Amino acid sequence: MKIISQNKKAYFNYEILEKFEAGIFLIGQEVKSIKLGRINLMGSYVVLENPVKNPEVFLIGCSIPPYQPKNSPPDYNPQRSRKLLLKKEEIRYLVGKLSQKGLTIIPLKVYTKGGKIKLEIGIARGKKKFDKKELIKKRDTEREIKRRLNE
């Protein structure tokens, strides 16, 4: 399993409750571009469309630049929404979880598995500002303790 891209800010801004593995519906040049590591997950999120009848999951705001910019189709949009491929029972579970207040789905990382490109998504709850400050203080004190022990 080779990790191509990670959304490191997601772990700082959100408390990850559960993780899922999803396939992504891509066109050929997007696959080549992703395998070269040219994908940006910052600011992207996952939405459920038509949650009552035949729910579908889409990745919004993810940027995949063209593999060969001069040779790309004229109508190619690097910011287009991409369908995520999940099992029906996983989609139903996500619909139920998103009905709870304060939960969202965010992409965590993109990796290859058996030659296929996979996306790890997580059900997350946003952290408050004081939680983030507390985490920073904890990291600083741990760093200071390690520094003192190594001296």
Protein backbone atom coordinates (compact mmCIF):
# COMPACT_ATOMS: atom_id res chain seq x y z
CA MET A 1 0.00 0.00 0.00
CA LYS A 2 1.64 3.23 -1.19
CA ILE A 3 0.25 6.45 0.29
CA ILE A 4 0.03 9.11 -2.41
CA SER A 5 -1.47 12.04 -0.51
CA GLN A 6 -2.70 12.77 3.02
CA ASN A 7 -4.99 15.42 4.46
CA LYS A 8 -2.92 16.21 7.57
CA LYS A 9 -5.08 19.17 8.58
CA ALA A 10 -8.06 16.83 8.90
CA TYR A 11 -6.56 15.17 11.97
CA PHE A 12 -5.95 18.58 13.56
CA ASN A 13 -9.34 20.13 12.74
CA TYR A 14 -11.52 17.05 13.27
CA GLU A 15 -11.91 14.16 15.66
CA ILE A 16 -12.05 11.06 13.42
CA LEU A 17 -14.65 8.59 14.70
CA GLU A 18 -14.68 5.92 11.95
CA LYS A 19 -12.81 5.24 8.71
CA PHE A 20 -13.94 3.69 5.41
CA GLU A 21 -12.16 2.70 2.22
CA ALA A 22 -13.73 3.85 -1.02
CA GLY A 23 -12.87 3.59 -4.69
CA ILE A 24 -12.96 6.71 -6.88
CA PHE A 25 -14.60 6.95 -10.31
CA LEU A 26 -11.81 8.53 -12.43
CA ILE A 27 -10.90 9.03 -16.06
CA GLY A 28 -7.59 7.72 -17.45
CA GLN A 29 -5.49 10.86 -17.25
CA GLU A 30 -6.61 11.47 -13.66
CA VAL A 31 -5.30 8.05 -12.66
CA LYS A 32 -1.89 8.84 -14.18
CA SER A 33 -1.82 12.24 -12.53
CA ILE A 34 -2.70 10.79 -9.10
CA LYS A 35 -0.04 8.08 -9.40
CA LEU A 36 2.50 10.88 -9.94
CA GLY A 37 1.29 12.38 -6.63
CA ARG A 38 -0.54 15.37 -8.11
CA ILE A 39 -3.69 15.43 -6.02
CA ASN A 40 -4.74 18.00 -3.42
CA LEU A 41 -7.21 16.97 -0.69
CA MET A 42 -7.08 20.29 1.19
CA GLY A 43 -10.52 21.80 1.54
CA SER A 44 -12.29 18.81 0.03
CA TYR A 45 -15.27 17.04 1.57
CA VAL A 46 -17.70 14.22 0.89
CA VAL A 47 -21.45 14.64 0.31
CA LEU A 48 -24.37 12.26 0.02
CA GLU A 49 -26.76 13.04 -2.80
CA ASN A 50 -30.33 11.77 -2.85
CA PRO A 51 -30.09 10.14 0.63
CA VAL A 52 -33.68 8.84 0.61
CA LYS A 53 -33.81 7.07 -2.76
CA ASN A 54 -30.70 5.47 -4.26
CA PRO A 55 -28.04 7.41 -2.28
CA GLU A 56 -24.73 8.25 -3.98
CA VAL A 57 -21.51 9.52 -2.43
CA PHE A 58 -19.42 12.26 -4.10
CA LEU A 59 -16.02 13.85 -3.41
CA ILE A 60 -16.22 17.64 -3.76
CA GLY A 61 -13.39 20.18 -3.90
CA CYS A 62 -10.55 17.77 -4.61
CA SER A 63 -8.11 19.08 -7.21
CA ILE A 64 -6.47 16.72 -9.72
CA PRO A 65 -4.50 18.64 -12.36
CA PRO A 66 -4.25 17.15 -15.86
CA TYR A 67 -1.53 14.58 -16.55
CA GLN A 68 -0.28 16.44 -19.63
CA PRO A 69 -1.70 20.00 -19.55
CA LYS A 70 -1.12 20.65 -23.26
CA ASN A 71 -2.71 17.33 -24.23
CA SER A 72 -5.75 17.44 -21.93
CA PRO A 73 -9.33 17.76 -23.23
CA PRO A 74 -10.47 21.39 -23.55
CA ASP A 75 -13.45 20.82 -21.22
CA TYR A 76 -11.43 19.15 -18.43
CA ASN A 77 -12.25 20.52 -14.97
CA PRO A 78 -9.67 19.62 -12.25
CA GLN A 79 -12.18 20.55 -9.49
CA ARG A 80 -15.08 18.41 -10.74
CA SER A 81 -17.02 16.24 -8.31
CA ARG A 82 -16.07 12.57 -8.41
CA LYS A 83 -18.28 9.65 -7.48
CA LEU A 84 -17.05 7.39 -4.68
CA LEU A 85 -17.59 3.66 -4.90
CA LEU A 86 -18.85 2.09 -1.67
CA LYS A 87 -20.96 -0.94 -0.80
CA LYS A 88 -24.71 -0.35 -0.36
CA GLU A 89 -24.68 -1.21 3.33
CA GLU A 90 -21.78 1.22 3.90
CA ILE A 91 -23.70 3.99 2.14
CA ARG A 92 -26.80 3.26 4.24
CA TYR A 93 -24.66 3.38 7.38
CA LEU A 94 -23.22 6.75 6.32
CA VAL A 95 -26.72 8.12 5.68
CA GLY A 96 -27.72 7.13 9.21
CA LYS A 97 -24.57 8.64 10.74
CA LEU A 98 -24.90 11.93 8.87
CA SER A 99 -28.41 12.40 10.23
CA GLN A 100 -26.75 12.98 13.64
CA LYS A 101 -25.91 16.58 14.39
CA GLY A 102 -22.32 17.74 14.07
CA LEU A 103 -20.97 14.85 11.99
CA THR A 104 -19.42 15.16 8.55
CA ILE A 105 -17.43 13.01 6.13
CA ILE A 106 -13.95 14.10 5.08
CA PRO A 107 -11.24 12.53 2.91
CA LEU A 108 -8.17 11.45 4.87
CA LYS A 109 -5.73 9.94 2.38
CA VAL A 110 -5.33 8.59 -1.13
CA TYR A 111 -3.33 5.42 -1.71
CA THR A 112 -2.89 2.55 -4.14
CA LYS A 113 -3.99 -0.96 -3.26
CA GLY A 114 -3.52 -3.79 -5.73
CA GLY A 115 -3.04 -1.36 -8.62
CA LYS A 116 -6.26 0.50 -7.82
CA ILE A 117 -6.54 3.99 -6.35
CA LYS A 118 -8.41 4.10 -3.05
CA LEU A 119 -9.58 6.96 -0.85
CA GLU A 120 -9.84 6.68 2.91
CA ILE A 121 -12.76 8.71 4.22
CA GLY A 122 -13.64 9.33 7.83
CA ILE A 123 -16.74 10.22 9.78
CA ALA A 124 -15.60 13.22 11.78
CA ARG A 125 -16.74 15.72 14.37
CA GLY A 126 -15.21 19.19 14.29
CA LYS A 127 -12.92 20.18 17.15
CA LYS A 128 -13.51 23.37 19.08
CA LYS A 129 -10.84 26.05 19.29
CA PHE A 130 -9.93 25.21 22.88
CA ASP A 131 -9.42 21.54 21.93
CA LYS A 132 -6.92 22.59 19.26
CA LYS A 133 -5.05 24.87 21.69
CA GLU A 134 -4.92 22.06 24.24
CA LEU A 135 -3.45 19.70 21.63
CA ILE A 136 -0.76 22.24 20.72
CA LYS A 137 0.16 22.73 24.40
CA LYS A 138 0.36 18.96 24.93
CA ARG A 139 2.64 18.55 21.89
CA ASP A 140 4.91 21.37 23.08
CA THR A 141 5.27 19.91 26.58
CA GLU A 142 6.06 16.43 25.17
CA ARG A 143 8.67 17.96 22.87
CA GLU A 144 10.20 19.85 25.79
CA ILE A 145 10.33 16.69 27.94
CA LYS A 146 12.08 14.75 25.17
CA ARG A 147 14.56 17.58 24.69
CA ARG A 148 15.37 17.64 28.44
CA LEU A 149 15.80 13.85 28.59
CA ASN A 150 18.18 13.82 25.63
CA GLU A 151 20.46 16.47 27.19
